[in-house]
């Protein structure tokens, strides 16, 4: 399966594009076009692709940061990279064919405290810093690392961290419409 594409219109067709979509895209475009981020199209996440989840969390975190007068750039980048963990936790043949190292740990039994839900925040933060270096400052690193609170004991330190954590959870249970409604109301004022 060919995963890399510069056609972001097609790759982001799952996002309901609003008034601020282009502003968000200006912030995250260089990350979206990075080969390692593009590979997340081959990672499974719940019933879909990790790419779709990461981009949705990023976009809606950006929008909520705008409403809450938080740092939109931090929310957008941290939201995009919050699940940028280096190894898959679900097997896909396409990913295995691309690079077996991505799936080496999938079938290993793990102690509960070492399971994906408890460890991937820190792994994603470290991976983000590995690929994007100085852009991943302490604030973005913290937002990524703590997005699984309360499953992990580290509490988000920043408003943007709470935003990413909130959006991640609400997207996972399908309640994003509340935020869309608030943004739509704000746009009509």
N, C-alpha and C. Protein backbone atom coordinates (compact mmCIF):
# COMPACT_ATOMS: atom_id res chain seq x y z
N UNK A 1 0.84 -1.19 0.00
CA UNK A 1 0.00 0.00 0.00
C UNK A 1 0.88 1.24 0.00
N UNK A 2 0.62 2.12 -0.89
CA UNK A 2 1.33 3.40 -0.94
C UNK A 2 0.68 4.33 0.09
N UNK A 3 1.47 4.87 0.99
CA UNK A 3 0.92 5.71 2.05
C UNK A 3 1.21 7.19 1.85
N UNK A 4 2.34 7.52 1.23
CA UNK A 4 2.75 8.92 1.17
C UNK A 4 1.96 9.68 0.11
N UNK A 5 1.49 10.86 0.49
CA UNK A 5 0.73 11.69 -0.43
C UNK A 5 0.88 13.16 -0.03
N UNK A 6 0.99 14.01 -1.02
CA UNK A 6 1.00 15.46 -0.75
C UNK A 6 -0.38 16.06 -0.98
N UNK A 7 -1.36 15.22 -1.31
CA UNK A 7 -2.72 15.67 -1.55
C UNK A 7 -3.47 15.76 -0.21
N UNK A 8 -3.25 16.86 0.50
CA UNK A 8 -3.85 17.00 1.83
C UNK A 8 -5.37 17.18 1.77
N UNK A 9 -5.89 17.70 0.66
CA UNK A 9 -7.35 17.80 0.54
C UNK A 9 -7.97 16.40 0.65
N UNK A 10 -7.40 15.47 -0.06
CA UNK A 10 -7.90 14.09 -0.01
C UNK A 10 -7.60 13.44 1.34
N UNK A 11 -6.39 13.62 1.83
CA UNK A 11 -5.98 13.00 3.08
C UNK A 11 -6.74 13.53 4.29
N UNK A 12 -7.29 14.72 4.18
CA UNK A 12 -8.02 15.33 5.31
C UNK A 12 -9.52 15.43 5.03
N UNK A 13 -10.00 14.61 4.11
CA UNK A 13 -11.42 14.67 3.74
C UNK A 13 -12.34 14.25 4.88
N UNK A 14 -11.82 13.58 5.88
CA UNK A 14 -12.62 13.14 7.03
C UNK A 14 -12.92 14.28 8.00
N UNK A 15 -12.24 15.41 7.85
CA UNK A 15 -12.43 16.55 8.74
C UNK A 15 -13.49 17.49 8.16
N UNK A 16 -14.39 17.93 9.00
CA UNK A 16 -15.38 18.94 8.60
C UNK A 16 -14.65 20.28 8.63
N UNK A 17 -14.43 20.83 7.46
CA UNK A 17 -13.60 22.03 7.36
C UNK A 17 -14.44 23.28 7.60
N UNK A 18 -14.04 24.04 8.59
CA UNK A 18 -14.73 25.28 8.92
C UNK A 18 -13.90 26.49 8.54
N UNK A 19 -14.32 27.61 9.07
CA UNK A 19 -13.72 28.91 8.78
C UNK A 19 -12.21 28.96 9.07
N UNK A 20 -11.77 28.25 10.08
CA UNK A 20 -10.37 28.33 10.52
C UNK A 20 -9.50 27.19 10.01
N UNK A 21 -10.02 26.36 9.13
CA UNK A 21 -9.28 25.20 8.64
C UNK A 21 -7.93 25.59 8.03
N UNK A 22 -7.91 26.60 7.16
CA UNK A 22 -6.66 26.99 6.50
C UNK A 22 -5.64 27.54 7.49
N UNK A 23 -6.09 28.23 8.52
CA UNK A 23 -5.17 28.73 9.55
C UNK A 23 -4.53 27.55 10.29
N UNK A 24 -5.34 26.54 10.62
CA UNK A 24 -4.82 25.34 11.26
C UNK A 24 -3.82 24.64 10.34
N UNK A 25 -4.19 24.50 9.07
CA UNK A 25 -3.33 23.80 8.12
C UNK A 25 -1.98 24.50 7.98
N UNK A 26 -1.96 25.83 8.02
CA UNK A 26 -0.69 26.57 7.96
C UNK A 26 0.24 26.16 9.11
N UNK A 27 -0.32 25.88 10.27
CA UNK A 27 0.49 25.49 11.44
C UNK A 27 1.03 24.08 11.30
N UNK A 28 0.22 23.15 10.83
CA UNK A 28 0.60 21.73 10.88
C UNK A 28 1.05 21.14 9.55
N UNK A 29 0.99 21.88 8.50
CA UNK A 29 1.27 21.32 7.16
C UNK A 29 2.63 20.63 7.08
N UNK A 30 3.68 21.27 7.59
CA UNK A 30 5.01 20.65 7.49
C UNK A 30 5.08 19.32 8.22
N UNK A 31 4.33 19.18 9.31
CA UNK A 31 4.30 17.92 10.05
C UNK A 31 3.49 16.87 9.28
N UNK A 32 2.38 17.30 8.71
CA UNK A 32 1.53 16.38 7.94
C UNK A 32 2.27 15.79 6.75
N UNK A 33 3.17 16.55 6.16
CA UNK A 33 3.91 16.08 4.99
C UNK A 33 5.17 15.30 5.34
N UNK A 34 5.50 15.23 6.61
CA UNK A 34 6.68 14.48 7.05
C UNK A 34 6.42 12.98 6.86
N UNK A 35 7.39 12.28 6.30
CA UNK A 35 7.23 10.86 6.00
C UNK A 35 6.82 10.04 7.22
N UNK A 36 7.41 10.31 8.36
CA UNK A 36 7.11 9.51 9.55
C UNK A 36 5.68 9.73 10.04
N UNK A 37 5.16 10.94 9.90
CA UNK A 37 3.76 11.20 10.25
C UNK A 37 2.85 10.53 9.21
N UNK A 38 3.21 10.62 7.95
CA UNK A 38 2.41 9.99 6.88
C UNK A 38 2.27 8.48 7.10
N UNK A 39 3.28 7.87 7.68
CA UNK A 39 3.23 6.42 7.94
C UNK A 39 2.11 6.05 8.91
N UNK A 40 1.63 7.02 9.67
CA UNK A 40 0.53 6.74 10.61
C UNK A 40 -0.76 6.40 9.89
N UNK A 41 -0.80 6.56 8.58
CA UNK A 41 -1.95 6.10 7.80
C UNK A 41 -2.03 4.57 7.82
N UNK A 42 -0.90 3.91 8.09
CA UNK A 42 -0.85 2.45 8.12
C UNK A 42 -1.05 1.88 9.53
N UNK A 43 -1.05 2.74 10.54
CA UNK A 43 -1.28 2.31 11.92
C UNK A 43 -2.80 2.25 12.16
N UNK A 44 -3.25 1.21 12.83
CA UNK A 44 -4.65 1.13 13.23
C UNK A 44 -4.85 1.92 14.52
N UNK A 45 -6.03 2.50 14.66
CA UNK A 45 -6.42 3.17 15.90
C UNK A 45 -7.90 2.90 16.10
N UNK A 46 -8.23 2.17 17.14
CA UNK A 46 -9.60 1.72 17.36
C UNK A 46 -10.10 1.07 16.06
N UNK A 47 -11.11 1.62 15.42
CA UNK A 47 -11.62 0.97 14.22
C UNK A 47 -11.16 1.68 12.94
N UNK A 48 -10.32 2.69 13.08
CA UNK A 48 -9.90 3.44 11.90
C UNK A 48 -8.39 3.56 11.80
N UNK A 49 -7.96 4.62 11.11
CA UNK A 49 -6.52 4.86 10.93
C UNK A 49 -6.04 5.86 11.98
N UNK A 50 -4.84 5.66 12.45
CA UNK A 50 -4.25 6.59 13.42
C UNK A 50 -4.14 7.99 12.81
N UNK A 51 -3.80 8.08 11.54
CA UNK A 51 -3.70 9.38 10.85
C UNK A 51 -4.98 10.19 11.04
N UNK A 52 -6.13 9.56 10.82
CA UNK A 52 -7.41 10.27 10.94
C UNK A 52 -7.62 10.78 12.36
N UNK A 53 -7.34 9.94 13.33
CA UNK A 53 -7.50 10.34 14.73
C UNK A 53 -6.56 11.49 15.09
N UNK A 54 -5.30 11.38 14.73
CA UNK A 54 -4.32 12.42 15.06
C UNK A 54 -4.72 13.77 14.44
N UNK A 55 -5.14 13.75 13.19
CA UNK A 55 -5.48 15.01 12.52
C UNK A 55 -6.76 15.61 13.10
N UNK A 56 -7.72 14.78 13.46
CA UNK A 56 -8.94 15.30 14.09
C UNK A 56 -8.65 15.90 15.46
N UNK A 57 -7.86 15.21 16.27
CA UNK A 57 -7.51 15.75 17.59
C UNK A 57 -6.78 17.08 17.42
N UNK A 58 -5.90 17.16 16.45
CA UNK A 58 -5.17 18.40 16.20
C UNK A 58 -6.11 19.54 15.81
N UNK A 59 -6.96 19.29 14.84
CA UNK A 59 -7.86 20.34 14.34
C UNK A 59 -8.82 20.82 15.42
N UNK A 60 -9.46 19.89 16.13
CA UNK A 60 -10.42 20.29 17.15
C UNK A 60 -9.75 20.87 18.39
N UNK A 61 -8.53 20.45 18.68
CA UNK A 61 -7.77 21.08 19.77
C UNK A 61 -7.44 22.52 19.40
N UNK A 62 -7.07 22.73 18.16
CA UNK A 62 -6.82 24.08 17.65
C UNK A 62 -8.07 24.95 17.82
N UNK A 63 -9.22 24.43 17.41
CA UNK A 63 -10.46 25.20 17.51
C UNK A 63 -10.83 25.50 18.96
N UNK A 64 -10.69 24.52 19.84
CA UNK A 64 -11.03 24.76 21.24
C UNK A 64 -10.04 25.75 21.87
N UNK A 65 -8.78 25.67 21.49
CA UNK A 65 -7.79 26.63 21.98
C UNK A 65 -8.17 28.05 21.55
N UNK A 66 -8.67 28.18 20.36
CA UNK A 66 -9.13 29.49 19.86
C UNK A 66 -10.27 30.02 20.74
N UNK A 67 -11.23 29.18 21.05
CA UNK A 67 -12.37 29.57 21.89
C UNK A 67 -11.91 29.94 23.30
N UNK A 68 -10.96 29.18 23.82
CA UNK A 68 -10.49 29.35 25.21
C UNK A 68 -9.32 30.34 25.32
N UNK A 69 -8.95 30.97 24.22
CA UNK A 69 -7.85 31.94 24.19
C UNK A 69 -6.54 31.32 24.71
N UNK A 70 -6.32 30.08 24.32
CA UNK A 70 -5.08 29.38 24.64
C UNK A 70 -4.16 29.47 23.42
N UNK A 71 -2.98 28.88 23.53
CA UNK A 71 -2.00 28.90 22.44
C UNK A 71 -2.43 27.91 21.36
N UNK A 72 -2.96 28.43 20.27
CA UNK A 72 -3.50 27.59 19.19
C UNK A 72 -2.43 26.75 18.53
N UNK A 73 -1.24 27.31 18.37
CA UNK A 73 -0.14 26.58 17.75
C UNK A 73 0.25 25.37 18.59
N UNK A 74 0.42 25.57 19.88
CA UNK A 74 0.76 24.47 20.78
C UNK A 74 -0.32 23.39 20.74
N UNK A 75 -1.57 23.80 20.81
CA UNK A 75 -2.68 22.84 20.80
C UNK A 75 -2.71 22.06 19.48
N UNK A 76 -2.48 22.74 18.37
CA UNK A 76 -2.51 22.07 17.06
C UNK A 76 -1.38 21.05 16.93
N UNK A 77 -0.17 21.45 17.31
CA UNK A 77 0.99 20.54 17.17
C UNK A 77 0.90 19.40 18.17
N UNK A 78 0.61 19.71 19.42
CA UNK A 78 0.49 18.66 20.43
C UNK A 78 -0.66 17.71 20.09
N UNK A 79 -1.75 18.27 19.60
CA UNK A 79 -2.88 17.42 19.19
C UNK A 79 -2.50 16.49 18.05
N UNK A 80 -1.74 16.99 17.09
CA UNK A 80 -1.33 16.16 15.97
C UNK A 80 -0.40 15.04 16.42
N UNK A 81 0.53 15.35 17.30
CA UNK A 81 1.57 14.39 17.66
C UNK A 81 1.27 13.62 18.94
N UNK A 82 0.08 13.80 19.51
CA UNK A 82 -0.23 13.16 20.80
C UNK A 82 -0.17 11.63 20.73
N UNK A 83 -0.43 11.04 19.60
CA UNK A 83 -0.34 9.58 19.44
C UNK A 83 0.75 9.20 18.43
N UNK A 84 1.80 9.96 18.40
CA UNK A 84 2.92 9.73 17.47
C UNK A 84 3.91 8.74 18.08
N UNK A 85 3.39 7.65 18.61
CA UNK A 85 4.23 6.64 19.24
C UNK A 85 5.02 5.89 18.16
N UNK A 86 6.20 5.38 18.54
CA UNK A 86 7.09 4.79 17.53
C UNK A 86 6.72 3.39 17.06
N UNK A 87 5.95 2.65 17.82
CA UNK A 87 5.59 1.27 17.45
C UNK A 87 4.08 1.11 17.48
N UNK A 88 3.57 0.31 16.57
CA UNK A 88 2.13 0.06 16.50
C UNK A 88 1.70 -0.82 17.67
N UNK A 89 0.47 -0.64 18.13
CA UNK A 89 -0.07 -1.55 19.14
C UNK A 89 -1.10 -2.50 18.53
N UNK A 90 -1.41 -2.30 17.25
CA UNK A 90 -2.28 -3.22 16.51
C UNK A 90 -1.57 -3.58 15.21
N UNK A 91 -1.66 -4.83 14.84
CA UNK A 91 -0.97 -5.33 13.65
C UNK A 91 -1.70 -4.94 12.37
N UNK A 92 -0.92 -4.52 11.37
CA UNK A 92 -1.43 -4.41 10.00
C UNK A 92 -0.37 -4.99 9.07
N UNK A 93 -0.81 -5.73 8.07
CA UNK A 93 0.12 -6.32 7.12
C UNK A 93 0.88 -5.25 6.36
N UNK A 94 0.19 -4.14 6.01
CA UNK A 94 0.83 -3.06 5.26
C UNK A 94 2.00 -2.46 6.05
N UNK A 95 1.81 -2.30 7.34
CA UNK A 95 2.87 -1.75 8.18
C UNK A 95 4.01 -2.75 8.33
N UNK A 96 3.67 -3.99 8.50
CA UNK A 96 4.68 -5.04 8.59
C UNK A 96 5.49 -5.12 7.30
N UNK A 97 4.82 -5.00 6.15
CA UNK A 97 5.52 -5.03 4.87
C UNK A 97 6.43 -3.82 4.69
N UNK A 98 6.00 -2.68 5.18
CA UNK A 98 6.79 -1.46 5.07
C UNK A 98 8.06 -1.55 5.92
N UNK A 99 7.88 -1.94 7.18
CA UNK A 99 9.02 -2.02 8.10
C UNK A 99 8.60 -2.86 9.31
N UNK A 100 9.13 -4.04 9.41
CA UNK A 100 8.74 -4.97 10.47
C UNK A 100 8.99 -4.39 11.87
N UNK A 101 9.94 -3.50 12.01
CA UNK A 101 10.24 -2.92 13.33
C UNK A 101 9.03 -2.22 13.95
N UNK A 102 8.12 -1.71 13.12
CA UNK A 102 6.94 -1.04 13.66
C UNK A 102 6.01 -1.99 14.42
N UNK A 103 6.03 -3.26 14.09
CA UNK A 103 5.08 -4.20 14.66
C UNK A 103 5.73 -5.27 15.54
N UNK A 104 6.98 -5.10 15.91
CA UNK A 104 7.69 -6.14 16.66
C UNK A 104 7.09 -6.41 18.03
N UNK A 105 6.49 -5.43 18.67
CA UNK A 105 5.98 -5.61 20.03
C UNK A 105 4.49 -5.93 20.08
N UNK A 106 3.81 -5.99 18.94
CA UNK A 106 2.35 -6.11 18.92
C UNK A 106 1.84 -7.35 19.64
N UNK A 107 2.48 -8.46 19.46
CA UNK A 107 1.95 -9.71 20.01
C UNK A 107 2.56 -10.09 21.36
N UNK A 108 3.41 -9.24 21.92
CA UNK A 108 4.01 -9.53 23.22
C UNK A 108 3.00 -9.29 24.34
N UNK A 109 2.97 -10.19 25.29
CA UNK A 109 2.15 -9.98 26.48
C UNK A 109 2.87 -8.95 27.35
N UNK A 110 2.10 -8.02 27.90
CA UNK A 110 2.71 -6.98 28.71
C UNK A 110 2.03 -6.89 30.06
N UNK A 111 2.81 -6.53 31.06
CA UNK A 111 2.24 -6.27 32.37
C UNK A 111 1.33 -5.05 32.26
N UNK A 112 0.28 -4.99 33.08
CA UNK A 112 -0.68 -3.88 32.94
C UNK A 112 -0.05 -2.48 32.92
N UNK A 113 0.94 -2.22 33.76
CA UNK A 113 1.55 -0.89 33.81
C UNK A 113 2.43 -0.59 32.59
N UNK A 114 2.68 -1.59 31.77
CA UNK A 114 3.47 -1.38 30.55
C UNK A 114 2.61 -1.44 29.29
N UNK A 115 1.31 -1.51 29.47
CA UNK A 115 0.41 -1.59 28.32
C UNK A 115 0.33 -0.24 27.61
N UNK A 116 -0.08 -0.30 26.37
CA UNK A 116 -0.12 0.86 25.48
C UNK A 116 -0.80 2.08 26.11
N UNK A 117 -1.95 1.90 26.70
CA UNK A 117 -2.71 3.03 27.24
C UNK A 117 -1.93 3.80 28.30
N UNK A 118 -1.06 3.12 29.02
CA UNK A 118 -0.32 3.74 30.11
C UNK A 118 1.04 4.29 29.69
N UNK A 119 1.53 3.88 28.53
CA UNK A 119 2.90 4.24 28.16
C UNK A 119 3.03 5.08 26.90
N UNK A 120 2.01 5.10 26.06
CA UNK A 120 2.21 5.71 24.74
C UNK A 120 2.32 7.23 24.76
N UNK A 121 1.81 7.90 25.79
CA UNK A 121 1.95 9.36 25.86
C UNK A 121 3.42 9.77 25.92
N UNK A 122 4.15 9.16 26.82
CA UNK A 122 5.58 9.47 26.94
C UNK A 122 6.34 9.03 25.69
N UNK A 123 6.00 7.84 25.17
CA UNK A 123 6.66 7.35 23.95
C UNK A 123 6.40 8.30 22.78
N UNK A 124 5.19 8.81 22.67
CA UNK A 124 4.85 9.74 21.59
C UNK A 124 5.61 11.06 21.74
N UNK A 125 5.71 11.55 22.97
CA UNK A 125 6.43 12.80 23.23
C UNK A 125 7.91 12.65 22.86
N UNK A 126 8.51 11.55 23.26
CA UNK A 126 9.92 11.31 22.93
C UNK A 126 10.11 11.17 21.42
N UNK A 127 9.18 10.48 20.76
CA UNK A 127 9.27 10.29 19.32
C UNK A 127 9.11 11.63 18.59
N UNK A 128 8.20 12.47 19.08
CA UNK A 128 8.01 13.80 18.48
C UNK A 128 9.30 14.61 18.59
N UNK A 129 9.94 14.55 19.74
CA UNK A 129 11.19 15.29 19.93
C UNK A 129 12.29 14.70 19.03
N UNK A 130 12.29 13.39 18.86
CA UNK A 130 13.28 12.74 18.00
C UNK A 130 13.17 13.26 16.57
N UNK A 131 11.95 13.37 16.05
CA UNK A 131 11.78 13.76 14.65
C UNK A 131 11.67 15.27 14.43
N UNK A 132 11.22 16.01 15.44
CA UNK A 132 10.99 17.44 15.24
C UNK A 132 11.80 18.33 16.17
N UNK A 133 12.71 17.75 16.92
CA UNK A 133 13.70 18.46 17.70
C UNK A 133 13.22 19.66 18.48
N UNK A 134 13.82 20.80 18.18
CA UNK A 134 13.60 22.01 18.96
C UNK A 134 12.17 22.54 18.90
N UNK A 135 11.43 22.17 17.89
CA UNK A 135 10.03 22.61 17.79
C UNK A 135 9.23 22.05 18.97
N UNK A 136 9.62 20.87 19.40
CA UNK A 136 8.92 20.22 20.52
C UNK A 136 9.53 20.75 21.82
N UNK A 137 9.08 21.93 22.21
CA UNK A 137 9.56 22.53 23.45
C UNK A 137 8.93 21.81 24.64
N UNK A 138 9.27 22.26 25.85
CA UNK A 138 8.77 21.58 27.05
C UNK A 138 7.25 21.62 27.16
N UNK A 139 6.64 22.68 26.67
CA UNK A 139 5.19 22.80 26.75
C UNK A 139 4.50 21.78 25.84
N UNK A 140 4.94 21.69 24.60
CA UNK A 140 4.36 20.72 23.67
C UNK A 140 4.65 19.30 24.16
N UNK A 141 5.87 19.06 24.61
CA UNK A 141 6.24 17.74 25.13
C UNK A 141 5.30 17.34 26.26
N UNK A 142 5.07 18.25 27.20
CA UNK A 142 4.19 17.99 28.34
C UNK A 142 2.76 17.70 27.88
N UNK A 143 2.27 18.47 26.93
CA UNK A 143 0.90 18.26 26.43
C UNK A 143 0.74 16.88 25.81
N UNK A 144 1.74 16.44 25.07
CA UNK A 144 1.70 15.11 24.46
C UNK A 144 1.80 14.03 25.54
N UNK A 145 2.76 14.21 26.42
CA UNK A 145 3.04 13.20 27.45
C UNK A 145 1.85 12.97 28.38
N UNK A 146 1.09 14.00 28.71
CA UNK A 146 0.03 13.89 29.71
C UNK A 146 -1.36 13.69 29.12
N UNK A 147 -1.47 13.48 27.82
CA UNK A 147 -2.81 13.41 27.22
C UNK A 147 -3.63 12.21 27.67
N UNK A 148 -3.03 11.23 28.30
CA UNK A 148 -3.79 10.06 28.75
C UNK A 148 -4.24 10.16 30.21
N UNK A 149 -4.04 11.30 30.84
CA UNK A 149 -4.56 11.48 32.19
C UNK A 149 -6.08 11.28 32.15
N UNK A 150 -6.70 10.59 33.06
CA UNK A 150 -6.23 10.08 34.34
C UNK A 150 -5.70 8.64 34.32
N UNK A 151 -5.57 8.01 33.14
CA UNK A 151 -4.96 6.67 33.11
C UNK A 151 -3.51 6.72 33.53
N UNK A 152 -2.86 7.82 33.28
CA UNK A 152 -1.48 8.01 33.74
C UNK A 152 -1.52 9.01 34.89
N UNK A 153 -0.53 8.97 35.73
CA UNK A 153 -0.56 9.81 36.93
C UNK A 153 -0.11 11.24 36.69
N UNK A 154 0.56 11.49 35.58
CA UNK A 154 1.01 12.85 35.29
C UNK A 154 -0.17 13.70 34.83
N UNK A 155 -0.39 14.79 35.55
CA UNK A 155 -1.50 15.70 35.26
C UNK A 155 -1.03 16.76 34.26
N UNK A 156 -1.87 17.12 33.29
CA UNK A 156 -1.48 18.20 32.37
C UNK A 156 -1.15 19.49 33.13
N UNK A 157 -0.04 20.13 32.77
CA UNK A 157 0.40 21.37 33.43
C UNK A 157 -0.18 22.61 32.76
N UNK A 158 -0.53 22.49 31.51
CA UNK A 158 -0.91 23.65 30.72
C UNK A 158 -2.35 23.52 30.22
N UNK A 159 -2.96 24.67 29.98
CA UNK A 159 -4.31 24.68 29.44
C UNK A 159 -4.38 23.88 28.13
N UNK A 160 -3.37 24.03 27.29
CA UNK A 160 -3.34 23.31 26.02
C UNK A 160 -3.27 21.79 26.23
N UNK A 161 -2.60 21.37 27.28
CA UNK A 161 -2.55 19.94 27.61
C UNK A 161 -3.92 19.41 28.01
N UNK A 162 -4.64 20.20 28.78
CA UNK A 162 -6.01 19.82 29.14
C UNK A 162 -6.89 19.78 27.90
N UNK A 163 -6.68 20.72 26.99
CA UNK A 163 -7.47 20.76 25.76
C UNK A 163 -7.23 19.50 24.93
N UNK A 164 -5.96 19.14 24.71
CA UNK A 164 -5.65 17.93 23.92
C UNK A 164 -6.22 16.69 24.61
N UNK A 165 -6.07 16.62 25.92
CA UNK A 165 -6.59 15.48 26.69
C UNK A 165 -8.10 15.39 26.53
N UNK A 166 -8.77 16.50 26.63
CA UNK A 166 -10.23 16.58 26.52
C UNK A 166 -10.71 16.17 25.12
N UNK A 167 -10.09 16.77 24.11
CA UNK A 167 -10.50 16.47 22.72
C UNK A 167 -10.25 15.00 22.40
N UNK A 168 -9.12 14.47 22.82
CA UNK A 168 -8.81 13.06 22.58
C UNK A 168 -9.89 12.17 23.17
N UNK A 169 -10.27 12.44 24.40
CA UNK A 169 -11.29 11.61 25.06
C UNK A 169 -12.65 11.79 24.38
N UNK A 170 -13.03 13.02 24.11
CA UNK A 170 -14.35 13.25 23.52
C UNK A 170 -14.46 12.74 22.09
N UNK A 171 -13.39 12.85 21.34
CA UNK A 171 -13.43 12.25 20.00
C UNK A 171 -13.58 10.74 20.10
N UNK A 172 -12.89 10.18 21.06
CA UNK A 172 -12.95 8.73 21.22
C UNK A 172 -14.35 8.26 21.59
N UNK A 173 -15.14 9.11 22.21
CA UNK A 173 -16.51 8.70 22.54
C UNK A 173 -17.55 9.46 21.73
N UNK A 174 -17.12 10.20 20.75
CA UNK A 174 -18.02 10.77 19.77
C UNK A 174 -18.81 12.00 20.18
N UNK A 175 -18.25 12.84 21.04
CA UNK A 175 -19.00 14.02 21.48
C UNK A 175 -18.45 15.33 20.93
N UNK A 176 -17.78 15.29 19.81
CA UNK A 176 -17.18 16.50 19.26
C UNK A 176 -18.23 17.53 18.81
N UNK A 177 -19.44 17.10 18.59
CA UNK A 177 -20.48 18.03 18.12
C UNK A 177 -20.71 19.19 19.08
N UNK A 178 -20.50 19.00 20.36
CA UNK A 178 -20.65 20.10 21.32
C UNK A 178 -19.66 21.22 21.01
N UNK A 179 -18.45 20.86 20.68
CA UNK A 179 -17.43 21.86 20.36
C UNK A 179 -17.76 22.53 19.03
N UNK A 180 -18.14 21.74 18.04
CA UNK A 180 -18.52 22.31 16.73
C UNK A 180 -19.65 23.33 16.90
N UNK A 181 -20.62 23.00 17.74
CA UNK A 181 -21.75 23.90 17.99
C UNK A 181 -21.25 25.22 18.57
N UNK A 182 -20.35 25.16 19.55
CA UNK A 182 -19.82 26.37 20.18
C UNK A 182 -19.03 27.19 19.17
N UNK A 183 -18.21 26.56 18.36
CA UNK A 183 -17.43 27.27 17.34
C UNK A 183 -18.38 27.93 16.33
N UNK A 184 -19.38 27.17 15.89
CA UNK A 184 -20.35 27.72 14.93
C UNK A 184 -21.06 28.94 15.51
N UNK A 185 -21.41 28.87 16.79
CA UNK A 185 -22.06 30.02 17.44
C UNK A 185 -21.13 31.21 17.49
N UNK A 186 -19.86 30.96 17.80
CA UNK A 186 -18.86 32.03 17.86
C UNK A 186 -18.70 32.71 16.48
N UNK A 187 -18.70 31.89 15.43
CA UNK A 187 -18.53 32.41 14.07
C UNK A 187 -19.70 33.29 13.64
N UNK A 188 -20.89 33.03 14.15
CA UNK A 188 -22.08 33.78 13.76
C UNK A 188 -22.20 35.12 14.48
N UNK A 189 -21.43 35.33 15.53
CA UNK A 189 -21.50 36.59 16.30
C UNK A 189 -20.94 37.75 15.52
